[in-house]
N, C-alpha and C. Protein backbone atom coordinates (compact mmCIF):
# COMPACT_ATOMS: atom_id res chain seq x y z
N MET A 1 -30.84 -52.15 -11.18
CA MET A 1 -31.71 -53.27 -11.53
C MET A 1 -31.57 -54.36 -10.51
N THR A 2 -32.55 -55.02 -10.17
CA THR A 2 -32.45 -56.13 -9.33
C THR A 2 -33.26 -57.43 -10.01
N ILE A 3 -32.74 -58.52 -9.65
CA ILE A 3 -33.30 -59.84 -10.08
C ILE A 3 -33.66 -60.51 -8.80
N GLY A 4 -34.91 -60.71 -8.48
CA GLY A 4 -35.23 -61.25 -7.11
C GLY A 4 -34.97 -60.14 -6.18
N VAL A 5 -34.13 -60.34 -5.21
CA VAL A 5 -33.70 -59.22 -4.22
C VAL A 5 -32.30 -58.85 -4.35
N THR A 6 -31.61 -59.41 -5.38
CA THR A 6 -30.25 -59.19 -5.52
C THR A 6 -29.89 -58.19 -6.66
N THR A 7 -29.06 -57.21 -6.37
CA THR A 7 -28.52 -56.15 -7.41
C THR A 7 -27.98 -57.05 -8.55
N ALA A 8 -28.33 -56.52 -9.77
CA ALA A 8 -27.70 -57.07 -10.97
C ALA A 8 -26.87 -56.16 -11.64
N THR A 9 -25.71 -56.59 -12.24
CA THR A 9 -24.83 -55.48 -12.98
C THR A 9 -25.39 -55.26 -14.36
N VAL A 10 -25.67 -54.00 -14.62
CA VAL A 10 -26.11 -53.66 -15.87
C VAL A 10 -25.00 -53.32 -16.85
N GLN A 11 -24.77 -54.01 -17.81
CA GLN A 11 -23.62 -53.62 -18.78
C GLN A 11 -23.97 -52.77 -19.80
N TYR A 12 -25.36 -52.75 -20.28
CA TYR A 12 -25.87 -51.77 -21.25
C TYR A 12 -27.33 -51.62 -21.11
N ALA A 13 -27.72 -50.44 -21.23
CA ALA A 13 -29.13 -50.13 -21.16
C ALA A 13 -29.28 -48.83 -22.21
N GLY A 14 -30.22 -49.17 -23.18
CA GLY A 14 -30.40 -48.22 -24.10
C GLY A 14 -31.19 -48.63 -25.24
N LEU A 15 -31.28 -47.89 -26.33
CA LEU A 15 -32.03 -48.30 -27.54
C LEU A 15 -31.38 -49.42 -28.17
N THR A 16 -32.15 -50.58 -28.64
CA THR A 16 -31.70 -51.56 -29.40
C THR A 16 -31.21 -51.23 -30.88
N PRO A 17 -29.94 -51.46 -31.20
CA PRO A 17 -29.54 -51.13 -32.50
C PRO A 17 -30.40 -51.86 -33.52
N GLY A 18 -30.78 -51.07 -34.62
CA GLY A 18 -31.60 -51.44 -35.70
C GLY A 18 -33.07 -51.61 -35.39
N LEU A 19 -33.51 -51.43 -34.20
CA LEU A 19 -35.04 -51.43 -33.91
C LEU A 19 -35.47 -50.14 -33.33
N VAL A 20 -36.49 -49.71 -34.05
CA VAL A 20 -36.98 -48.23 -33.61
C VAL A 20 -37.89 -48.45 -32.22
N GLY A 21 -37.54 -47.72 -31.27
CA GLY A 21 -38.43 -47.65 -30.08
C GLY A 21 -38.16 -48.85 -29.15
N VAL A 22 -37.31 -49.62 -29.29
CA VAL A 22 -37.09 -50.98 -28.53
C VAL A 22 -35.85 -50.79 -27.69
N TYR A 23 -36.00 -50.86 -26.37
CA TYR A 23 -34.91 -50.73 -25.37
C TYR A 23 -34.47 -52.15 -24.99
N GLN A 24 -33.15 -52.21 -24.77
CA GLN A 24 -32.63 -53.40 -24.26
C GLN A 24 -31.68 -53.17 -23.11
N PHE A 25 -31.71 -54.34 -22.27
CA PHE A 25 -30.80 -54.32 -21.02
C PHE A 25 -29.94 -55.45 -21.13
N ASN A 26 -28.71 -55.43 -21.07
CA ASN A 26 -27.77 -56.51 -21.02
C ASN A 26 -27.22 -56.40 -19.58
N VAL A 27 -27.73 -57.54 -18.88
CA VAL A 27 -27.55 -57.71 -17.47
C VAL A 27 -26.73 -58.98 -17.12
N VAL A 28 -25.91 -58.99 -16.06
CA VAL A 28 -25.26 -60.15 -15.52
C VAL A 28 -26.17 -60.52 -14.42
N VAL A 29 -26.80 -61.82 -14.55
CA VAL A 29 -27.68 -62.41 -13.61
C VAL A 29 -26.78 -62.83 -12.38
N PRO A 30 -27.07 -62.30 -11.26
CA PRO A 30 -26.30 -62.69 -10.02
C PRO A 30 -26.34 -64.20 -9.73
N MET A 31 -25.21 -64.73 -9.26
CA MET A 31 -25.20 -66.15 -8.94
C MET A 31 -26.07 -66.49 -7.68
N ASN A 32 -26.29 -67.73 -7.45
CA ASN A 32 -26.99 -68.27 -6.29
C ASN A 32 -28.40 -67.80 -6.15
N GLN A 33 -29.08 -67.52 -7.31
CA GLN A 33 -30.55 -67.18 -7.25
C GLN A 33 -31.37 -68.38 -6.92
N PRO A 34 -32.45 -68.34 -6.26
CA PRO A 34 -33.24 -69.40 -6.12
C PRO A 34 -34.06 -69.91 -7.30
N ASN A 35 -34.42 -71.11 -7.31
CA ASN A 35 -35.19 -71.64 -8.53
C ASN A 35 -36.56 -70.97 -8.49
N GLY A 36 -37.07 -70.85 -9.72
CA GLY A 36 -38.50 -70.30 -9.88
C GLY A 36 -38.59 -69.03 -10.60
N GLU A 37 -39.68 -68.33 -10.48
CA GLU A 37 -39.95 -67.07 -11.16
C GLU A 37 -39.35 -65.91 -10.20
N LEU A 38 -38.52 -65.06 -10.73
CA LEU A 38 -38.00 -63.94 -9.94
C LEU A 38 -38.44 -62.69 -10.63
N ALA A 39 -38.85 -61.60 -9.99
CA ALA A 39 -39.15 -60.34 -10.49
C ALA A 39 -37.85 -59.67 -10.93
N VAL A 40 -37.98 -59.02 -12.14
CA VAL A 40 -36.88 -58.16 -12.63
C VAL A 40 -37.43 -56.71 -12.44
N GLN A 41 -36.69 -55.88 -11.69
CA GLN A 41 -37.04 -54.61 -11.34
C GLN A 41 -35.95 -53.74 -11.82
N PHE A 42 -36.42 -52.49 -12.35
CA PHE A 42 -35.41 -51.41 -12.57
C PHE A 42 -35.95 -50.09 -12.00
N THR A 43 -35.26 -49.16 -11.66
CA THR A 43 -35.56 -48.01 -11.13
C THR A 43 -35.20 -46.96 -12.19
N LEU A 44 -36.17 -46.16 -12.52
CA LEU A 44 -36.09 -45.01 -13.44
C LEU A 44 -36.52 -43.74 -12.98
N ASN A 45 -35.81 -42.71 -12.70
CA ASN A 45 -36.27 -41.45 -12.17
C ASN A 45 -36.81 -41.64 -10.83
N GLY A 46 -36.37 -42.64 -10.12
CA GLY A 46 -36.74 -42.82 -8.76
C GLY A 46 -37.97 -43.79 -8.54
N ILE A 47 -38.63 -44.10 -9.62
CA ILE A 47 -39.77 -45.05 -9.75
C ILE A 47 -39.37 -46.45 -9.94
N VAL A 48 -39.63 -47.45 -9.11
CA VAL A 48 -39.40 -48.81 -9.27
C VAL A 48 -40.46 -49.49 -10.23
N ASN A 49 -39.92 -50.16 -11.35
CA ASN A 49 -40.69 -50.73 -12.24
C ASN A 49 -40.61 -52.34 -12.27
N THR A 50 -41.71 -53.12 -12.13
CA THR A 50 -41.60 -54.46 -12.32
C THR A 50 -42.37 -54.90 -13.53
N LEU A 51 -41.81 -55.26 -14.72
CA LEU A 51 -42.44 -55.44 -15.86
C LEU A 51 -42.16 -56.82 -16.38
N GLN A 52 -41.25 -57.55 -15.84
CA GLN A 52 -40.87 -58.90 -16.31
C GLN A 52 -40.53 -59.84 -15.14
N THR A 53 -40.66 -61.04 -15.52
CA THR A 53 -40.09 -62.15 -14.43
C THR A 53 -39.02 -62.89 -15.22
N LEU A 54 -38.20 -63.56 -14.44
CA LEU A 54 -37.19 -64.38 -14.97
C LEU A 54 -37.20 -65.62 -14.40
N SER A 55 -37.48 -66.68 -15.25
CA SER A 55 -37.53 -68.06 -14.77
C SER A 55 -36.17 -68.69 -14.71
N ILE A 56 -35.73 -69.18 -13.36
CA ILE A 56 -34.54 -69.90 -13.19
C ILE A 56 -34.92 -71.36 -12.83
N PRO A 57 -34.90 -72.20 -13.88
CA PRO A 57 -35.34 -73.65 -13.58
C PRO A 57 -34.25 -74.39 -12.83
N VAL A 58 -33.04 -74.08 -12.83
CA VAL A 58 -31.89 -74.75 -12.24
C VAL A 58 -31.01 -73.74 -11.52
N ARG A 59 -30.71 -74.07 -10.31
CA ARG A 59 -29.90 -73.15 -9.56
C ARG A 59 -28.39 -72.84 -10.24
N ALA A 60 -27.99 -71.70 -10.40
CA ALA A 60 -26.74 -71.35 -10.98
C ALA A 60 -25.63 -71.79 -9.97
N THR A 61 -24.55 -72.37 -10.48
CA THR A 61 -23.42 -72.68 -9.67
C THR A 61 -22.08 -71.91 -10.20
N ALA A 62 -21.29 -71.84 -9.28
CA ALA A 62 -19.99 -71.17 -9.81
C ALA A 62 -19.23 -72.05 -10.73
N VAL A 63 -18.56 -71.39 -11.63
CA VAL A 63 -17.74 -72.12 -12.75
C VAL A 63 -16.33 -72.52 -12.01
N THR A 64 -16.04 -73.78 -11.98
CA THR A 64 -14.92 -74.21 -11.41
C THR A 64 -14.07 -75.13 -12.37
N THR A 65 -14.49 -75.22 -13.52
CA THR A 65 -13.87 -76.15 -14.57
C THR A 65 -12.68 -75.55 -15.28
N GLY A 66 -12.48 -74.30 -15.29
CA GLY A 66 -11.43 -73.68 -16.04
C GLY A 66 -11.78 -73.46 -17.54
N PHE A 67 -13.01 -73.06 -17.71
CA PHE A 67 -13.50 -72.88 -19.13
C PHE A 67 -12.53 -71.91 -19.86
N THR A 68 -12.25 -72.33 -21.04
CA THR A 68 -11.20 -71.63 -21.77
C THR A 68 -11.54 -71.35 -23.22
N VAL A 69 -11.39 -70.10 -23.77
CA VAL A 69 -11.67 -69.82 -25.12
C VAL A 69 -10.37 -69.20 -25.75
N VAL A 70 -9.95 -69.81 -26.83
CA VAL A 70 -8.75 -69.34 -27.47
C VAL A 70 -9.04 -69.05 -28.96
N SER A 71 -8.18 -68.32 -29.68
CA SER A 71 -8.37 -67.96 -31.12
C SER A 71 -6.91 -68.02 -31.71
N SER A 72 -6.76 -68.60 -32.82
CA SER A 72 -5.41 -68.53 -33.54
C SER A 72 -5.37 -67.20 -34.24
N ALA A 73 -6.20 -66.27 -34.26
CA ALA A 73 -6.24 -65.04 -34.99
C ALA A 73 -5.28 -63.90 -34.35
N GLY A 74 -5.07 -64.19 -33.14
CA GLY A 74 -4.20 -63.14 -32.59
C GLY A 74 -4.00 -63.47 -30.98
N GLN A 75 -3.61 -62.55 -30.22
CA GLN A 75 -3.46 -62.75 -28.93
C GLN A 75 -4.30 -61.90 -27.93
N ASN A 76 -4.56 -62.29 -26.76
CA ASN A 76 -5.54 -61.53 -25.85
C ASN A 76 -4.81 -60.14 -25.70
N GLY A 77 -5.71 -59.18 -25.83
CA GLY A 77 -5.14 -57.79 -25.52
C GLY A 77 -4.41 -57.19 -26.75
N GLY A 78 -4.09 -58.08 -27.85
CA GLY A 78 -3.36 -57.51 -28.94
C GLY A 78 -4.27 -56.88 -30.00
N GLN A 79 -3.87 -56.46 -31.15
CA GLN A 79 -4.54 -55.93 -32.19
C GLN A 79 -5.26 -57.09 -32.87
N LEU A 80 -6.50 -56.70 -33.48
CA LEU A 80 -7.26 -57.62 -34.41
C LEU A 80 -6.57 -57.55 -35.69
N PRO A 81 -6.26 -58.66 -36.21
CA PRO A 81 -5.68 -58.72 -37.68
C PRO A 81 -6.58 -58.15 -38.67
N VAL A 82 -6.05 -57.48 -39.73
CA VAL A 82 -6.87 -56.82 -40.70
C VAL A 82 -7.67 -57.81 -41.32
N ALA A 83 -7.50 -59.15 -41.62
CA ALA A 83 -8.39 -60.03 -42.14
C ALA A 83 -9.82 -60.12 -41.54
N TYR A 84 -9.76 -59.67 -40.30
CA TYR A 84 -11.13 -59.72 -39.58
C TYR A 84 -11.87 -58.42 -39.36
N THR A 85 -11.51 -57.50 -40.06
CA THR A 85 -11.95 -56.14 -40.08
C THR A 85 -12.53 -55.71 -41.47
N CYS A 86 -13.13 -54.49 -41.56
CA CYS A 86 -13.66 -53.83 -42.78
C CYS A 86 -12.30 -53.42 -43.65
N ASP A 87 -11.10 -53.42 -43.05
CA ASP A 87 -9.98 -53.13 -43.95
C ASP A 87 -9.48 -54.35 -44.67
N GLY A 88 -9.97 -55.42 -44.37
CA GLY A 88 -9.51 -56.80 -44.96
C GLY A 88 -10.75 -57.37 -45.51
N THR A 89 -10.82 -58.77 -45.43
CA THR A 89 -12.00 -59.53 -45.89
C THR A 89 -13.26 -59.54 -44.94
N GLY A 90 -13.06 -59.04 -43.78
CA GLY A 90 -14.17 -59.19 -42.73
C GLY A 90 -14.61 -60.58 -42.33
N SER A 91 -13.53 -61.42 -42.18
CA SER A 91 -13.86 -62.82 -41.90
C SER A 91 -14.26 -62.87 -40.30
N THR A 92 -14.99 -63.98 -39.98
CA THR A 92 -15.22 -64.24 -38.62
C THR A 92 -14.01 -64.94 -38.11
N LEU A 93 -13.76 -64.68 -36.76
CA LEU A 93 -12.70 -65.26 -36.05
C LEU A 93 -12.72 -66.80 -35.90
N PRO A 94 -11.70 -67.35 -36.00
CA PRO A 94 -11.62 -68.92 -35.63
C PRO A 94 -11.52 -68.83 -34.08
N LEU A 95 -12.38 -69.63 -33.41
CA LEU A 95 -12.45 -69.87 -32.01
C LEU A 95 -12.43 -71.23 -31.62
N ALA A 96 -11.88 -71.60 -30.38
CA ALA A 96 -11.95 -72.99 -29.92
C ALA A 96 -12.12 -72.86 -28.38
N TRP A 97 -12.89 -73.62 -27.80
CA TRP A 97 -13.07 -73.71 -26.30
C TRP A 97 -13.10 -75.07 -25.77
N SER A 98 -12.79 -75.03 -24.49
CA SER A 98 -12.73 -76.30 -23.74
C SER A 98 -13.02 -76.24 -22.28
N ASN A 99 -13.38 -77.38 -21.66
CA ASN A 99 -13.64 -77.48 -20.27
C ASN A 99 -15.02 -76.73 -19.85
N ALA A 100 -16.10 -76.88 -20.67
CA ALA A 100 -17.29 -76.18 -20.42
C ALA A 100 -17.76 -76.69 -19.07
N PRO A 101 -18.51 -75.94 -18.47
CA PRO A 101 -19.04 -76.28 -17.10
C PRO A 101 -20.08 -77.38 -17.27
N ALA A 102 -20.20 -78.29 -16.29
CA ALA A 102 -21.07 -79.37 -16.22
C ALA A 102 -22.40 -78.81 -16.55
N GLY A 103 -23.30 -79.51 -17.29
CA GLY A 103 -24.63 -79.05 -17.44
C GLY A 103 -24.82 -78.00 -18.57
N THR A 104 -23.83 -77.56 -19.23
CA THR A 104 -23.85 -76.63 -20.30
C THR A 104 -24.88 -77.24 -21.30
N LYS A 105 -25.84 -76.28 -21.83
CA LYS A 105 -26.87 -76.75 -22.83
C LYS A 105 -26.61 -76.18 -24.16
N GLU A 106 -25.91 -75.15 -24.23
CA GLU A 106 -25.48 -74.53 -25.66
C GLU A 106 -24.56 -73.39 -25.27
N PHE A 107 -23.89 -72.93 -26.36
CA PHE A 107 -22.88 -71.77 -26.24
C PHE A 107 -23.51 -70.60 -27.02
N ALA A 108 -22.71 -69.46 -26.73
CA ALA A 108 -23.09 -68.19 -27.30
C ALA A 108 -21.75 -67.43 -27.50
N VAL A 109 -21.64 -66.59 -28.53
CA VAL A 109 -20.40 -65.72 -28.79
C VAL A 109 -20.96 -64.40 -28.90
N MET A 110 -20.37 -63.46 -28.09
CA MET A 110 -20.68 -62.08 -28.04
C MET A 110 -19.35 -61.30 -28.24
N MET A 111 -19.27 -60.72 -29.46
CA MET A 111 -17.94 -59.94 -29.70
C MET A 111 -18.32 -58.52 -29.68
N THR A 112 -17.51 -57.76 -28.95
CA THR A 112 -17.74 -56.17 -28.93
C THR A 112 -16.45 -55.64 -29.24
N THR A 113 -16.57 -54.37 -29.63
CA THR A 113 -15.43 -53.57 -29.83
C THR A 113 -15.71 -52.25 -29.24
N LEU A 114 -14.63 -51.50 -28.68
CA LEU A 114 -14.82 -50.22 -28.03
C LEU A 114 -14.36 -49.14 -28.99
N PRO A 115 -15.19 -48.41 -29.83
CA PRO A 115 -14.71 -47.53 -30.79
C PRO A 115 -13.88 -46.28 -30.41
N GLY A 116 -13.90 -45.99 -29.05
CA GLY A 116 -13.15 -44.78 -28.54
C GLY A 116 -13.95 -43.69 -28.09
N ASP A 117 -15.28 -43.80 -28.41
CA ASP A 117 -16.10 -42.64 -28.08
C ASP A 117 -16.84 -42.99 -26.83
N GLY A 118 -16.54 -44.02 -26.12
CA GLY A 118 -17.14 -44.36 -24.87
C GLY A 118 -18.30 -45.39 -25.06
N SER A 119 -18.68 -45.69 -26.39
CA SER A 119 -19.77 -46.62 -26.67
C SER A 119 -19.23 -48.09 -26.79
N THR A 120 -20.03 -49.06 -26.99
CA THR A 120 -19.69 -50.31 -27.22
C THR A 120 -20.41 -50.91 -28.46
N LYS A 121 -19.65 -51.45 -29.43
CA LYS A 121 -20.37 -51.98 -30.58
C LYS A 121 -20.27 -53.47 -30.51
N TRP A 122 -21.53 -53.98 -30.87
CA TRP A 122 -21.68 -55.42 -30.93
C TRP A 122 -21.56 -55.89 -32.30
N ASN A 123 -20.39 -56.60 -32.54
CA ASN A 123 -19.89 -56.98 -33.80
C ASN A 123 -20.45 -58.39 -34.20
N TRP A 124 -20.64 -59.23 -33.19
CA TRP A 124 -20.84 -60.60 -33.50
C TRP A 124 -21.79 -61.26 -32.32
N VAL A 125 -22.94 -61.51 -32.67
CA VAL A 125 -23.80 -62.07 -31.81
C VAL A 125 -24.20 -63.46 -32.37
N LEU A 126 -23.85 -64.54 -31.65
CA LEU A 126 -24.10 -65.83 -32.16
C LEU A 126 -24.47 -66.68 -30.93
N TYR A 127 -25.73 -67.32 -31.06
CA TYR A 127 -26.16 -68.11 -30.00
C TYR A 127 -26.75 -69.41 -30.52
N ARG A 128 -27.31 -70.28 -29.46
CA ARG A 128 -27.68 -71.58 -29.92
C ARG A 128 -26.64 -72.42 -30.55
N ILE A 129 -25.54 -72.27 -30.22
CA ILE A 129 -24.42 -73.16 -30.72
C ILE A 129 -24.47 -74.48 -30.00
N PRO A 130 -24.58 -75.52 -30.65
CA PRO A 130 -24.90 -76.79 -30.08
C PRO A 130 -23.75 -77.16 -28.99
N VAL A 131 -24.08 -77.79 -27.97
CA VAL A 131 -23.28 -78.16 -26.83
C VAL A 131 -22.16 -79.02 -27.33
N ASN A 132 -22.27 -79.80 -28.32
CA ASN A 132 -21.12 -80.74 -28.88
C ASN A 132 -20.19 -79.92 -29.75
N THR A 133 -20.33 -78.68 -29.97
CA THR A 133 -19.53 -77.87 -30.74
C THR A 133 -18.37 -77.33 -29.93
N THR A 134 -17.11 -77.51 -30.42
CA THR A 134 -16.02 -77.09 -29.49
C THR A 134 -15.21 -75.96 -30.30
N SER A 135 -15.65 -75.66 -31.41
CA SER A 135 -14.86 -74.58 -32.17
C SER A 135 -15.52 -74.24 -33.40
N LEU A 136 -15.18 -72.93 -33.86
CA LEU A 136 -15.77 -72.28 -35.07
C LEU A 136 -14.51 -72.08 -35.88
N VAL A 137 -14.52 -72.41 -37.13
CA VAL A 137 -13.38 -72.05 -38.00
C VAL A 137 -13.63 -70.70 -38.64
N LYS A 138 -12.52 -70.18 -39.11
CA LYS A 138 -12.52 -68.85 -39.77
C LYS A 138 -13.87 -68.87 -40.84
N ASP A 139 -14.56 -67.89 -40.83
CA ASP A 139 -15.77 -67.68 -41.73
C ASP A 139 -16.73 -68.80 -41.51
N SER A 140 -17.10 -69.25 -40.33
CA SER A 140 -17.94 -70.28 -39.94
C SER A 140 -19.38 -69.76 -40.24
N PHE A 141 -20.21 -70.57 -40.81
CA PHE A 141 -21.56 -70.19 -40.97
C PHE A 141 -22.43 -71.58 -40.96
N LEU A 142 -23.73 -71.42 -40.72
CA LEU A 142 -24.61 -72.47 -40.60
C LEU A 142 -24.52 -73.22 -39.24
N ILE A 143 -23.90 -72.47 -38.15
CA ILE A 143 -23.68 -73.02 -36.89
C ILE A 143 -24.36 -72.04 -35.99
N GLY A 144 -25.32 -72.39 -35.07
CA GLY A 144 -25.83 -71.58 -34.25
C GLY A 144 -26.97 -70.52 -35.00
N THR A 145 -27.37 -69.60 -34.27
CA THR A 145 -28.26 -68.58 -34.68
C THR A 145 -27.62 -67.12 -34.56
N LEU A 146 -27.48 -66.30 -35.62
CA LEU A 146 -27.01 -65.08 -35.63
C LEU A 146 -27.98 -64.08 -35.01
N GLY A 147 -27.53 -63.14 -34.16
CA GLY A 147 -28.38 -62.02 -33.63
C GLY A 147 -28.04 -60.80 -34.25
N LEU A 148 -28.74 -59.68 -33.77
CA LEU A 148 -28.52 -58.47 -34.31
C LEU A 148 -27.37 -57.80 -33.75
N GLY A 149 -26.57 -57.16 -34.59
CA GLY A 149 -25.37 -56.43 -33.97
C GLY A 149 -25.64 -54.92 -34.09
N SER A 150 -24.72 -54.05 -33.97
CA SER A 150 -24.86 -52.65 -33.82
C SER A 150 -24.91 -51.86 -35.14
N ASP A 151 -24.41 -52.44 -36.23
CA ASP A 151 -24.32 -51.78 -37.41
C ASP A 151 -25.44 -52.16 -38.51
N GLY A 152 -26.67 -52.11 -38.09
CA GLY A 152 -27.76 -52.36 -39.07
C GLY A 152 -28.66 -53.40 -38.58
N PRO A 153 -29.79 -53.53 -39.42
CA PRO A 153 -30.94 -54.43 -38.89
C PRO A 153 -30.58 -55.88 -39.21
N GLY A 154 -29.58 -56.26 -40.01
CA GLY A 154 -29.28 -57.61 -40.35
C GLY A 154 -28.59 -58.40 -39.37
N ALA A 155 -28.99 -59.76 -39.26
CA ALA A 155 -28.35 -60.70 -38.28
C ALA A 155 -27.13 -61.28 -38.94
N VAL A 156 -26.00 -60.47 -38.82
CA VAL A 156 -24.76 -60.80 -39.51
C VAL A 156 -23.67 -60.46 -38.66
N TYR A 157 -22.39 -60.98 -39.11
CA TYR A 157 -21.16 -60.53 -38.39
C TYR A 157 -20.86 -59.07 -38.86
N ASN A 158 -20.84 -58.19 -37.96
CA ASN A 158 -20.47 -56.71 -38.29
C ASN A 158 -19.18 -56.55 -38.08
N ARG A 159 -18.37 -56.69 -39.13
CA ARG A 159 -16.86 -56.62 -39.01
C ARG A 159 -16.48 -55.23 -38.46
N PRO A 160 -15.41 -55.24 -37.49
CA PRO A 160 -15.06 -53.98 -36.86
C PRO A 160 -14.58 -53.05 -37.86
N CYS A 161 -15.13 -51.70 -37.82
CA CYS A 161 -14.46 -50.71 -38.76
C CYS A 161 -14.77 -49.32 -38.05
N SER A 162 -14.94 -49.29 -36.74
CA SER A 162 -15.47 -48.04 -36.15
C SER A 162 -14.24 -47.04 -36.12
N GLN A 163 -12.95 -47.38 -36.22
CA GLN A 163 -11.79 -46.52 -36.24
C GLN A 163 -11.32 -46.09 -37.60
N GLY A 164 -11.94 -46.69 -38.60
CA GLY A 164 -11.50 -46.39 -40.01
C GLY A 164 -10.27 -47.21 -40.27
N PRO A 165 -9.53 -46.92 -41.32
CA PRO A 165 -8.33 -47.70 -41.58
C PRO A 165 -7.26 -47.63 -40.41
N GLY A 166 -6.69 -48.81 -40.14
CA GLY A 166 -5.60 -48.79 -39.04
C GLY A 166 -5.94 -49.85 -38.09
N ALA A 167 -5.26 -49.72 -36.96
CA ALA A 167 -5.25 -50.67 -35.84
C ALA A 167 -6.64 -50.77 -35.18
N LYS A 168 -7.02 -52.03 -34.97
CA LYS A 168 -8.43 -52.39 -34.23
C LYS A 168 -7.84 -53.19 -33.05
N LEU A 169 -8.09 -52.42 -31.80
CA LEU A 169 -7.56 -53.25 -30.76
C LEU A 169 -8.65 -54.03 -29.96
């Protein structure tokens, strides 16, 4: 996949969970793109397709502020505590962040788990979090807009349970 003339990193390409016949592409937009409308192209079976454009109103800049996200629910690389899984209450994680890059307009949370079969599950998709928000408490609601996760058509927190009872890493 390319955006403009730069190769973009595709993190996921496939059917959209919960929507019949809809494909989604999760792509990292390359830095230093020019302003304006850029062609989004992908190649499928050797055929280049240009179906969409991406509008970049402001040139992207490298993040140099030391943006940090932390949670009191556990440690990075550790096990997810039971309270945040289907083995417990299925609560949303408490999160806090600081040092947002200059010009930040809003925040988004994308929580994924890797169930072990090589797939990725989207457990929490939350966007349009106001720029003046710096944290989410456990079981936050009415902040931002919930998006579709992997386990059904509802816009909800899909608590991790892909491995059944036991550790969630």
